[in-house]
C-alpha atoms as a PDB file:
ATOM      1  CA  MET A   1     -12.769  55.919 -10.541  1.00  0.00           C
ATOM      2  CA  ARG A   2     -15.575  54.833  -8.231  1.00  0.00           C
ATOM      3  CA  THR A   3     -16.287  51.860 -10.520  1.00  0.00           C
ATOM      4  CA  ILE A   4     -12.646  50.794 -10.427  1.00  0.00           C
ATOM      5  CA  LYS A   5     -12.537  51.120  -6.637  1.00  0.00           C
ATOM      6  CA  ASN A   6     -15.713  49.043  -6.281  1.00  0.00           C
ATOM      7  CA  LEU A   7     -14.288  46.378  -8.581  1.00  0.00           C
ATOM      8  CA  CYS A   8     -11.050  46.268  -6.582  1.00  0.00           C
ATOM      9  CA  SER A   9     -13.009  45.981  -3.337  1.00  0.00           C
ATOM     10  CA  THR A  10     -15.022  43.090  -4.775  1.00  0.00           C
ATOM     11  CA  VAL A  11     -11.850  41.266  -5.833  1.00  0.00           C
ATOM     12  CA  VAL A  12     -10.295  41.754  -2.404  1.00  0.00           C
ATOM     13  CA  LEU A  13     -13.486  40.530  -0.743  1.00  0.00           C
ATOM     14  CA  LEU A  14     -13.563  37.417  -2.929  1.00  0.00           C
ATOM     15  CA  MET A  15      -9.910  36.735  -2.206  1.00  0.00           C
ATOM     16  CA  LEU A  16     -10.541  37.047   1.516  1.00  0.00           C
ATOM     17  CA  CYS A  17     -13.541  34.724   1.289  1.00  0.00           C
ATOM     18  CA  GLY A  18     -11.392  32.255  -0.579  1.00  0.00           C
ATOM     19  CA  VAL A  19      -8.878  32.277   2.260  1.00  0.00           C
ATOM     20  CA  CYS A  20     -11.663  31.812   4.819  1.00  0.00           C
ATOM     21  CA  MET A  21     -13.000  28.834   2.882  1.00  0.00           C
ATOM     22  CA  SER A  22      -9.589  27.197   2.766  1.00  0.00           C
ATOM     23  CA  PHE A  23      -9.572  27.055   6.557  1.00  0.00           C
ATOM     24  CA  THR A  24     -13.042  25.538   6.863  1.00  0.00           C
ATOM     25  CA  THR A  25     -12.941  22.954   4.073  1.00  0.00           C
ATOM     26  CA  GLU A  26     -13.174  19.451   5.541  1.00  0.00           C
ATOM     27  CA  GLU A  27     -11.060  16.563   4.340  1.00  0.00           C
ATOM     28  CA  LYS A  28     -12.764  14.259   1.864  1.00  0.00           C
ATOM     29  CA  SER A  29     -13.875  10.768   2.879  1.00  0.00           C
ATOM     30  CA  ARG A  30     -15.764   7.879   1.357  1.00  0.00           C
ATOM     31  CA  VAL A  31     -17.120   4.556   2.636  1.00  0.00           C
ATOM     32  CA  VAL A  32     -16.186   1.841   0.135  1.00  0.00           C
ATOM     33  CA  GLU A  33     -18.215  -1.376  -0.294  1.00  0.00           C
ATOM     34  CA  ASP A  34     -20.053  -0.878   3.010  1.00  0.00           C
ATOM     35  CA  GLY A  35     -16.722  -0.645   4.804  1.00  0.00           C
ATOM     36  CA  GLY A  36     -15.355  -4.042   3.728  1.00  0.00           C
ATOM     37  CA  THR A  37     -16.036  -7.593   4.919  1.00  0.00           C
ATOM     38  CA  GLY A  38     -13.803  -7.459   7.989  1.00  0.00           C
ATOM     39  CA  PRO A  39     -14.894  -6.972  11.621  1.00  0.00           C
ATOM     40  CA  TYR A  40     -13.902  -3.268  11.616  1.00  0.00           C
ATOM     41  CA  LYS A  41     -15.854  -1.322   9.005  1.00  0.00           C
ATOM     42  CA  ALA A  42     -13.377   0.936   7.225  1.00  0.00           C
ATOM     43  CA  VAL A  43     -13.400   4.396   5.698  1.00  0.00           C
ATOM     44  CA  MET A  44     -11.226   5.920   2.972  1.00  0.00           C
ATOM     45  CA  LYS A  45     -10.221   9.446   3.886  1.00  0.00           C
ATOM     46  CA  GLU A  46      -7.840  12.358   3.588  1.00  0.00           C
ATOM     47  CA  GLU A  47      -5.752  13.600   6.494  1.00  0.00           C
ATOM     48  CA  ALA A  48      -4.668  17.249   6.458  1.00  0.00           C
ATOM     49  CA  SER A  49      -1.406  16.295   8.151  1.00  0.00           C
ATOM     50  CA  LEU A  50      -0.512  13.842   5.353  1.00  0.00           C
ATOM     51  CA  ALA A  51      -0.747  15.693   2.072  1.00  0.00           C
ATOM     52  CA  ALA A  52      -1.025  13.781  -1.215  1.00  0.00           C
ATOM     53  CA  HIS A  53      -1.893  10.499   0.514  1.00  0.00           C
ATOM     54  CA  THR A  54      -5.039   8.460   1.123  1.00  0.00           C
ATOM     55  CA  VAL A  55      -5.740   6.758   4.456  1.00  0.00           C
ATOM     56  CA  PHE A  56      -7.867   3.615   4.881  1.00  0.00           C
ATOM     57  CA  VAL A  57      -8.698   2.891   8.502  1.00  0.00           C
ATOM     58  CA  PRO A  58     -11.451   1.437  10.711  1.00  0.00           C
ATOM     59  CA  GLN A  59     -14.248   3.948  11.232  1.00  0.00           C
ATOM     60  CA  ASP A  60     -14.446   3.326  14.987  1.00  0.00           C
ATOM     61  CA  LEU A  61     -11.020   3.991  16.467  1.00  0.00           C
ATOM     62  CA  SER A  62     -12.319   3.528  20.015  1.00  0.00           C
ATOM     63  CA  LYS A  63     -11.777  -0.213  19.574  1.00  0.00           C
ATOM     64  CA  PHE A  64      -8.003   0.361  19.376  1.00  0.00           C
ATOM     65  CA  GLY A  65      -5.424   1.502  21.918  1.00  0.00           C
ATOM     66  CA  LYS A  66      -2.159   0.524  23.575  1.00  0.00           C
ATOM     67  CA  ASP A  67      -3.309  -3.074  24.030  1.00  0.00           C
ATOM     68  CA  LYS A  68      -4.795  -3.429  20.538  1.00  0.00           C
ATOM     69  CA  GLN A  69      -3.021  -1.391  17.901  1.00  0.00           C
ATOM     70  CA  LEU A  70      -3.306  -1.035  14.137  1.00  0.00           C
ATOM     71  CA  PRO A  71      -0.430  -2.516  12.107  1.00  0.00           C
ATOM     72  CA  VAL A  72       0.568  -0.367   9.132  1.00  0.00           C
ATOM     73  CA  LEU A  73       0.422  -1.081   5.414  1.00  0.00           C
ATOM     74  CA  VAL A  74       2.223   1.493   3.251  1.00  0.00           C
ATOM     75  CA  TRP A  75       1.160   1.255  -0.411  1.00  0.00           C
ATOM     76  CA  GLY A  76       2.514   2.478  -3.756  1.00  0.00           C
ATOM     77  CA  ASN A  77       0.347   2.461  -6.891  1.00  0.00           C
ATOM     78  CA  GLY A  78       0.788   1.011 -10.355  1.00  0.00           C
ATOM     79  CA  ALA A  79       2.161   3.237 -13.130  1.00  0.00           C
ATOM     80  CA  CYS A  80       3.589   5.545 -10.413  1.00  0.00           C
ATOM     81  CA  THR A  81       0.069   7.008 -10.286  1.00  0.00           C
ATOM     82  CA  ASN A  82      -0.421   9.579  -7.558  1.00  0.00           C
ATOM     83  CA  SER A  83      -3.773   8.131  -6.502  1.00  0.00           C
ATOM     84  CA  PRO A  84      -4.875   4.634  -5.387  1.00  0.00           C
ATOM     85  CA  TRP A  85      -7.856   4.784  -7.776  1.00  0.00           C
ATOM     86  CA  GLU A  86      -7.174   1.271  -9.116  1.00  0.00           C
ATOM     87  CA  HIS A  87      -6.525  -0.307  -5.726  1.00  0.00           C
ATOM     88  CA  TYR A  88      -8.960   1.284  -3.296  1.00  0.00           C
ATOM     89  CA  LYS A  89     -11.252  -1.772  -2.962  1.00  0.00           C
ATOM     90  CA  PHE A  90      -8.262  -3.996  -2.172  1.00  0.00           C
ATOM     91  CA  LEU A  91      -6.835  -1.510   0.331  1.00  0.00           C
ATOM     92  CA  ASN A  92     -10.182  -0.829   1.990  1.00  0.00           C
ATOM     93  CA  GLU A  93     -10.707  -4.558   2.483  1.00  0.00           C
ATOM     94  CA  ILE A  94      -7.372  -4.856   4.275  1.00  0.00           C
ATOM     95  CA  ALA A  95      -8.180  -1.908   6.544  1.00  0.00           C
ATOM     96  CA  SER A  96     -11.464  -3.569   7.562  1.00  0.00           C
ATOM     97  CA  TYR A  97      -9.444  -6.347   9.205  1.00  0.00           C
ATOM     98  CA  GLY A  98      -7.778  -3.974  11.648  1.00  0.00           C
ATOM     99  CA  TYR A  99      -5.039  -2.147   9.737  1.00  0.00           C
ATOM    100  CA  ILE A 100      -4.227   1.439   8.918  1.00  0.00           C
ATOM    101  CA  VAL A 101      -3.346   1.661   5.237  1.00  0.00           C
ATOM    102  CA  LEU A 102      -1.365   4.670   4.010  1.00  0.00           C
ATOM    103  CA  ALA A 103      -1.562   4.841   0.232  1.00  0.00           C
ATOM    104  CA  THR A 104       0.479   7.153  -1.931  1.00  0.00           C
ATOM    105  CA  GLY A 105      -1.574   9.819  -3.695  1.00  0.00           C
ATOM    106  CA  TYR A 106      -4.852  11.673  -3.762  1.00  0.00           C
ATOM    107  CA  ILE A 107      -8.147  10.146  -2.662  1.00  0.00           C
ATOM    108  CA  PRO A 108     -10.281   8.701  -5.510  1.00  0.00           C
ATOM    109  CA  MET A 109     -13.814   9.991  -4.999  1.00  0.00           C
ATOM    110  CA  ASP A 110     -15.174   8.426  -8.187  1.00  0.00           C
ATOM    111  CA  GLU A 111     -14.261   5.837 -10.816  1.00  0.00           C
ATOM    112  CA  GLN A 112     -12.363   8.256 -13.017  1.00  0.00           C
ATOM    113  CA  PRO A 113      -8.669   7.484 -13.673  1.00  0.00           C
ATOM    114  CA  TYR A 114      -6.220   9.878 -12.075  1.00  0.00           C
ATOM    115  CA  ARG A 115      -4.606  12.325 -14.484  1.00  0.00           C
ATOM    116  CA  GLY A 116      -1.693  14.212 -13.027  1.00  0.00           C
ATOM    117  CA  PRO A 117       1.983  14.146 -12.038  1.00  0.00           C
ATOM    118  CA  MET A 118       3.555  10.828 -11.044  1.00  0.00           C
ATOM    119  CA  SER A 119       4.136   9.767  -7.465  1.00  0.00           C
ATOM    120  CA  THR A 120       7.593   9.534  -5.897  1.00  0.00           C
ATOM    121  CA  THR A 121       9.455   6.950  -3.841  1.00  0.00           C
ATOM    122  CA  GLU A 122       9.725   9.465  -0.999  1.00  0.00           C
ATOM    123  CA  GLN A 123       5.956   9.375  -0.413  1.00  0.00           C
ATOM    124  CA  GLN A 124       6.242   5.893   1.113  1.00  0.00           C
ATOM    125  CA  ILE A 125       8.814   7.213   3.592  1.00  0.00           C
ATOM    126  CA  GLU A 126       6.505  10.145   4.340  1.00  0.00           C
ATOM    127  CA  SER A 127       3.796   7.594   5.219  1.00  0.00           C
ATOM    128  CA  ILE A 128       6.062   5.801   7.700  1.00  0.00           C
ATOM    129  CA  ASP A 129       7.207   9.087   9.250  1.00  0.00           C
ATOM    130  CA  TRP A 130       3.584  10.183   9.623  1.00  0.00           C
ATOM    131  CA  ALA A 131       2.573   6.934  11.340  1.00  0.00           C
ATOM    132  CA  PHE A 132       5.299   7.390  13.953  1.00  0.00           C
ATOM    133  CA  ALA A 133       4.436  11.057  14.480  1.00  0.00           C
ATOM    134  CA  GLN A 134       0.702  10.434  14.866  1.00  0.00           C
ATOM    135  CA  ASN A 135       1.223   7.559  17.275  1.00  0.00           C
ATOM    136  CA  ALA A 136       3.333   9.821  19.512  1.00  0.00           C
ATOM    137  CA  ASP A 137       1.082  12.900  19.312  1.00  0.00           C
ATOM    138  CA  LYS A 138      -1.291  13.183  22.281  1.00  0.00           C
ATOM    139  CA  ASN A 139      -3.542  15.439  20.227  1.00  0.00           C
ATOM    140  CA  SER A 140      -3.908  12.936  17.385  1.00  0.00           C
ATOM    141  CA  PRO A 141      -6.908  10.593  17.091  1.00  0.00           C
ATOM    142  CA  TYR A 142      -4.291   7.903  16.351  1.00  0.00           C
ATOM    143  CA  TYR A 143      -2.343   8.453  19.576  1.00  0.00           C
ATOM    144  CA  GLN A 144      -0.979   5.085  20.795  1.00  0.00           C
ATOM    145  CA  LYS A 145      -3.298   3.278  18.366  1.00  0.00           C
ATOM    146  CA  ILE A 146      -0.715   2.563  15.617  1.00  0.00           C
ATOM    147  CA  ASP A 147       1.569  -0.462  15.849  1.00  0.00           C
ATOM    148  CA  THR A 148       4.787   1.148  14.615  1.00  0.00           C
ATOM    149  CA  LYS A 149       6.698  -2.069  15.324  1.00  0.00           C
ATOM    150  CA  ASN A 150       4.776  -3.850  12.578  1.00  0.00           C
ATOM    151  CA  ILE A 151       4.948  -2.069   9.232  1.00  0.00           C
ATOM    152  CA  ALA A 152       4.535  -3.612   5.777  1.00  0.00           C
ATOM    153  CA  VAL A 153       5.650  -1.681   2.714  1.00  0.00           C
ATOM    154  CA  ALA A 154       4.018  -2.804  -0.508  1.00  0.00           C
ATOM    155  CA  GLY A 155       3.041  -1.752  -3.983  1.00  0.00           C
ATOM    156  CA  MET A 156       1.854  -2.821  -7.411  1.00  0.00           C
ATOM    157  CA  SER A 157       3.960  -2.531 -10.605  1.00  0.00           C
ATOM    158  CA  CYS A 158       5.755   0.840 -10.279  1.00  0.00           C
ATOM    159  CA  GLY A 159       4.640   0.847  -6.640  1.00  0.00           C
ATOM    160  CA  GLY A 160       6.505  -2.434  -6.226  1.00  0.00           C
ATOM    161  CA  LEU A 161       9.635  -0.792  -7.629  1.00  0.00           C
ATOM    162  CA  GLN A 162       9.180   2.053  -5.148  1.00  0.00           C
ATOM    163  CA  THR A 163       8.852  -0.542  -2.394  1.00  0.00           C
ATOM    164  CA  LEU A 164      12.102  -2.239  -3.387  1.00  0.00           C
ATOM    165  CA  TYR A 165      13.825   1.155  -3.670  1.00  0.00           C
ATOM    166  CA  ASN A 166      12.877   1.796  -0.011  1.00  0.00           C
ATOM    167  CA  CYS A 167      13.566  -1.757   1.212  1.00  0.00           C
ATOM    168  CA  ALA A 168      16.524  -0.860   3.440  1.00  0.00           C
ATOM    169  CA  ASP A 169      14.469   1.302   5.812  1.00  0.00           C
ATOM    170  CA  PRO A 170      15.029  -0.346   9.230  1.00  0.00           C
ATOM    171  CA  ARG A 171      11.427   0.316  10.303  1.00  0.00           C
ATOM    172  CA  ILE A 172      10.061  -2.179   7.774  1.00  0.00           C
ATOM    173  CA  THR A 173       8.802  -5.527   9.127  1.00  0.00           C
ATOM    174  CA  THR A 174       7.873  -7.170   5.819  1.00  0.00           C
ATOM    175  CA  LEU A 175       7.639  -6.406   2.091  1.00  0.00           C
ATOM    176  CA  MET A 176       4.858  -7.258  -0.355  1.00  0.00           C
ATOM    177  CA  VAL A 177       5.745  -6.788  -4.036  1.00  0.00           C
ATOM    178  CA  CYS A 178       2.736  -7.143  -6.334  1.00  0.00           C
ATOM    179  CA  ASN A 179       2.869  -7.556 -10.130  1.00  0.00           C
ATOM    180  CA  SER A 180       6.389  -6.178 -10.066  1.00  0.00           C
ATOM    181  CA  GLY A 181      10.107  -6.886  -9.978  1.00  0.00           C
ATOM    182  CA  LEU A 182      13.333  -5.077 -10.686  1.00  0.00           C
ATOM    183  CA  PHE A 183      14.384  -4.642 -14.301  1.00  0.00           C
ATOM    184  CA  ASN A 184      17.730  -6.021 -15.440  1.00  0.00           C
ATOM    185  CA  GLN A 185      20.105  -4.628 -18.041  1.00  0.00           C
ATOM    186  CA  GLN A 186      18.533  -6.690 -20.803  1.00  0.00           C
ATOM    187  CA  ASN A 187      14.973  -5.367 -20.425  1.00  0.00           C
ATOM    188  CA  ALA A 188      15.446  -1.979 -18.750  1.00  0.00           C
ATOM    189  CA  GLY A 189      14.299  -0.296 -21.959  1.00  0.00           C
ATOM    190  CA  GLN A 190      10.774  -1.644 -21.347  1.00  0.00           C
ATOM    191  CA  ALA A 191      10.354   0.525 -18.249  1.00  0.00           C
ATOM    192  CA  VAL A 192       8.070   3.552 -18.322  1.00  0.00           C
ATOM    193  CA  GLY A 193       9.878   6.870 -17.971  1.00  0.00           C
ATOM    194  CA  GLY A 194       9.944   8.126 -14.396  1.00  0.00           C
ATOM    195  CA  MET A 195       9.907   4.710 -12.748  1.00  0.00           C
ATOM    196  CA  PRO A 196      12.537   4.084 -10.085  1.00  0.00           C
ATOM    197  CA  MET A 197      15.200   1.824 -11.580  1.00  0.00           C
ATOM    198  CA  PRO A 198      17.406   0.387  -8.833  1.00  0.00           C
ATOM    199  CA  PRO A 199      19.796  -2.365  -9.977  1.00  0.00           C
ATOM    200  CA  LYS A 200      19.321  -6.001  -8.996  1.00  0.00           C
ATOM    201  CA  GLU A 201      22.014  -5.499  -6.343  1.00  0.00           C
ATOM    202  CA  LYS A 202      19.372  -3.556  -4.401  1.00  0.00           C
ATOM    203  CA  LEU A 203      17.827  -6.890  -3.404  1.00  0.00           C
ATOM    204  CA  LYS A 204      20.757  -7.450  -1.031  1.00  0.00           C
ATOM    205  CA  GLU A 205      19.498  -4.517   1.063  1.00  0.00           C
ATOM    206  CA  ILE A 206      16.280  -6.341   1.947  1.00  0.00           C
ATOM    207  CA  HIS A 207      16.361  -7.166   5.662  1.00  0.00           C
ATOM    208  CA  SER A 208      12.824  -8.484   6.165  1.00  0.00           C
ATOM    209  CA  SER A 209      10.610 -11.272   4.901  1.00  0.00           C
ATOM    210  CA  ILE A 210       9.226 -10.685   1.409  1.00  0.00           C
ATOM    211  CA  ILE A 211       6.361 -12.033  -0.698  1.00  0.00           C
ATOM    212  CA  TYR A 212       5.856 -11.567  -4.432  1.00  0.00           C
ATOM    213  CA  ILE A 213       2.224 -11.695  -5.549  1.00  0.00           C
ATOM    214  CA  LEU A 214       2.230 -12.013  -9.334  1.00  0.00           C
ATOM    215  CA  GLY A 215      -0.338 -12.531 -12.083  1.00  0.00           C
ATOM    216  CA  GLY A 216       1.177 -15.607 -13.692  1.00  0.00           C
ATOM    217  CA  GLU A 217       3.121 -15.901 -16.926  1.00  0.00           C
ATOM    218  CA  THR A 218       0.929 -13.393 -18.762  1.00  0.00           C
ATOM    219  CA  ASP A 219       1.830 -10.731 -16.191  1.00  0.00           C
ATOM    220  CA  ILE A 220       4.342  -8.402 -17.891  1.00  0.00           C
ATOM    221  CA  ALA A 221       6.225  -8.274 -14.580  1.00  0.00           C
ATOM    222  CA  TYR A 222       6.342 -12.073 -14.162  1.00  0.00           C
ATOM    223  CA  GLY A 223       9.893 -12.475 -15.486  1.00  0.00           C
ATOM    224  CA  ASN A 224      11.273  -9.632 -13.402  1.00  0.00           C
ATOM    225  CA  GLY A 225       9.501 -10.737 -10.233  1.00  0.00           C
ATOM    226  CA  MET A 226      10.508 -14.382 -10.522  1.00  0.00           C
ATOM    227  CA  ASP A 227      14.085 -13.370 -11.306  1.00  0.00           C
ATOM    228  CA  ASP A 228      14.106 -11.274  -8.118  1.00  0.00           C
ATOM    229  CA  PHE A 229      12.751 -14.179  -6.109  1.00  0.00           C
ATOM    230  CA  HIS A 230      15.389 -16.601  -7.394  1.00  0.00           C
ATOM    231  CA  ARG A 231      18.140 -14.143  -6.441  1.00  0.00           C
ATOM    232  CA  ILE A 232      16.970 -13.636  -2.848  1.00  0.00           C
ATOM    233  CA  ASP A 233      18.702 -16.140  -0.583  1.00  0.00           C
ATOM    234  CA  HIS A 234      19.540 -14.106   2.539  1.00  0.00           C
ATOM    235  CA  VAL A 235      16.000 -13.535   3.875  1.00  0.00           C
ATOM    236  CA  PRO A 236      12.796 -15.629   3.820  1.00  0.00           C
ATOM    237  CA  ALA A 237      11.040 -15.151   0.485  1.00  0.00           C
ATOM    238  CA  CYS A 238       8.190 -16.667  -1.478  1.00  0.00           C
ATOM    239  CA  ALA A 239       6.671 -16.082  -4.902  1.00  0.00           C
ATOM    240  CA  THR A 240       2.962 -16.650  -5.438  1.00  0.00           C
ATOM    241  CA  ASN A 241       1.132 -16.574  -8.757  1.00  0.00           C
ATOM    242  CA  PHE A 242      -2.510 -16.339  -9.777  1.00  0.00           C
ATOM    243  CA  PRO A 243      -3.043 -16.400 -13.569  1.00  0.00           C
ATOM    244  CA  VAL A 244      -4.876 -13.113 -14.157  1.00  0.00           C
ATOM    245  CA  GLY A 245      -2.149 -11.038 -15.826  1.00  0.00           C
ATOM    246  CA  HIS A 246      -0.649  -7.733 -14.803  1.00  0.00           C
ATOM    247  CA  GLY A 247      -3.863  -6.085 -13.621  1.00  0.00           C
ATOM    248  CA  GLY A 248      -4.376  -8.460 -10.699  1.00  0.00           C
ATOM    249  CA  THR A 249      -7.757  -8.576  -8.975  1.00  0.00           C
ATOM    250  CA  TYR A 250      -7.607  -5.233  -7.125  1.00  0.00           C
ATOM    251  CA  ARG A 251     -10.710  -3.763  -8.770  1.00  0.00           C
ATOM    252  CA  GLN A 252     -12.863  -6.825  -8.199  1.00  0.00           C
ATOM    253  CA  PRO A 253     -15.313  -6.736  -5.267  1.00  0.00           C
ATOM    254  CA  HIS A 254     -13.315  -6.444  -2.054  1.00  0.00           C
ATOM    255  CA  GLY A 255     -10.087  -6.827  -4.029  1.00  0.00           C
ATOM    256  CA  GLY A 256     -10.725 -10.408  -5.172  1.00  0.00           C
ATOM    257  CA  GLU A 257      -8.231 -13.231  -4.682  1.00  0.00           C
ATOM    258  CA  PHE A 258      -5.267 -10.922  -4.157  1.00  0.00           C
ATOM    259  CA  SER A 259      -6.929  -9.610  -0.971  1.00  0.00           C
ATOM    260  CA  VAL A 260      -7.219 -13.135   0.430  1.00  0.00           C
ATOM    261  CA  VAL A 261      -3.510 -13.863   0.030  1.00  0.00           C
ATOM    262  CA  ALA A 262      -2.340 -10.382   1.025  1.00  0.00           C
ATOM    263  CA  LEU A 263      -4.421 -10.468   4.204  1.00  0.00           C
ATOM    264  CA  ALA A 264      -3.104 -13.897   5.154  1.00  0.00           C
ATOM    265  CA  TRP A 265       0.465 -12.636   4.704  1.00  0.00           C
ATOM    266  CA  LEU A 266      -0.134  -9.470   6.717  1.00  0.00           C
ATOM    267  CA  ASN A 267      -2.012 -11.298   9.469  1.00  0.00           C
ATOM    268  CA  TRP A 268       0.908 -13.686   9.815  1.00  0.00           C
ATOM    269  CA  GLN A 269       3.808 -11.275   9.467  1.00  0.00           C
ATOM    270  CA  LEU A 270       2.336  -8.279  11.318  1.00  0.00           C
ATOM    271  CA  LYS A 271      -0.039  -9.920  13.806  1.00  0.00           C
ATOM    272  CA  GLY A 272       1.641 -13.277  14.387  1.00  0.00           C
ATOM    273  CA  ASP A 273      -1.517 -15.154  13.358  1.00  0.00           C
ATOM    274  CA  GLN A 274      -0.543 -18.817  13.169  1.00  0.00           C
ATOM    275  CA  GLN A 275      -3.796 -19.772  11.458  1.00  0.00           C
ATOM    276  CA  ALA A 276      -2.883 -17.359   8.660  1.00  0.00           C
ATOM    277  CA  ALA A 277       0.603 -18.895   8.518  1.00  0.00           C
ATOM    278  CA  LYS A 278      -0.951 -22.144   7.294  1.00  0.00           C
ATOM    279  CA  MET A 279      -1.696 -20.411   4.002  1.00  0.00           C
ATOM    280  CA  PHE A 280       2.053 -20.440   3.285  1.00  0.00           C
ATOM    281  CA  LYS A 281       3.933 -22.793   5.590  1.00  0.00           C
ATOM    282  CA  GLY A 282       4.633 -26.449   4.928  1.00  0.00           C
ATOM    283  CA  ALA A 283       4.824 -28.582   1.794  1.00  0.00           C
ATOM    284  CA  ASP A 284       1.048 -28.965   1.860  1.00  0.00           C
ATOM    285  CA  CYS A 285       0.204 -25.316   2.578  1.00  0.00           C
ATOM    286  CA  GLU A 286      -3.313 -23.986   1.999  1.00  0.00           C
ATOM    287  CA  LEU A 287      -2.267 -21.787  -0.903  1.00  0.00           C
ATOM    288  CA  SER A 288      -1.028 -24.796  -2.857  1.00  0.00           C
ATOM    289  CA  LYS A 289      -4.577 -26.210  -2.621  1.00  0.00           C
ATOM    290  CA  ARG A 290      -6.310 -22.958  -3.518  1.00  0.00           C
ATOM    291  CA  ASP A 291      -7.709 -23.008  -7.057  1.00  0.00           C
ATOM    292  CA  LYS A 292      -5.207 -21.767  -9.685  1.00  0.00           C
ATOM    293  CA  TRP A 293      -2.662 -20.427  -7.172  1.00  0.00           C
ATOM    294  CA  THR A 294       0.966 -21.595  -7.106  1.00  0.00           C
ATOM    295  CA  ILE A 295       3.698 -20.868  -4.594  1.00  0.00           C
ATOM    296  CA  GLU A 296       7.484 -21.203  -4.523  1.00  0.00           C
ATOM    297  CA  LYS A 297       9.641 -20.649  -1.435  1.00  0.00           C
ATOM    298  CA  ASN A 298      13.345 -20.178  -0.876  1.00  0.00           C
ATOM    299  CA  ALA A 299      15.479 -22.187   1.540  1.00  0.00           C
ATOM    300  CA  LYS A 300      15.027 -19.720   4.396  1.00  0.00           C
ATOM    301  CA  PHE A 301      11.265 -19.513   4.160  1.00  0.00           C
ATOM    302  CA  GLU A 302      10.357 -22.262   6.588  1.00  0.00           C
ATOM    303  CA  THR A 303      12.418 -20.519   9.298  1.00  0.00           C
ATOM    304  CA  LEU A 304       9.658 -17.896   9.571  1.00  0.00           C
ATOM    305  CA  LYS A 305       7.713 -18.229  12.808  1.00  0.00           C
END
């Protein structure tokens, strides 16, 4: 009997220690590529108040406040993966230019692919809700440092479908759909099970500017993305292509060419940077001169300020 009692006491003690540890465990963080090439060295981290998400943000938040806030990029991953393990270099690079990036899924602490349940469309909405809550919370390190009036929602492949599913949210300032586009009735059977599958009519719910960043004709999403673009006539839209296929350049150092174009778009649409606007505006825009890139714009595009 004494042996059984001792064993039970040991189990209880271990269980109690386990509870104690759960309260003292710190959130994971990782500095990626020396913090990025931007002026605000970034960090990739977990936030206890935003479960199942990864945050990319400048390490030194003292540089930001009411007069200099962080615009928001909400990101959904390819293959509906619940971790930004394929996109963390790209996202970290953006954060280093003065953004807070809220990516769907668990933080990638190594190069191993994520293996687990798929992400959901609701996680992007959770990111937006969190940004508003943190900006209003006097006890948050992000208090009055987040520019909730300038929010981009974006994603790659399945993440792009999640983005389009959420496009009607009135808090969105701009959309960035990467290596993605809505399926139509003819090719819906090619979709991976579990992907959001809104109909093409969903495009009418877009109320903001939108850019498609595609991988050229060898990108499996090229047809869907270009079809989307040609249907959008009620808001400013453009379709850009760089011939690298569906995988993009996200895993290249600092996110490669996709980072250059994405940053220019975000700097223009979320920060009003007119130098960045030159990448896209005008018949002789900078992107049209950039090696291997192409761009198409709809009739409303040149109305963007």
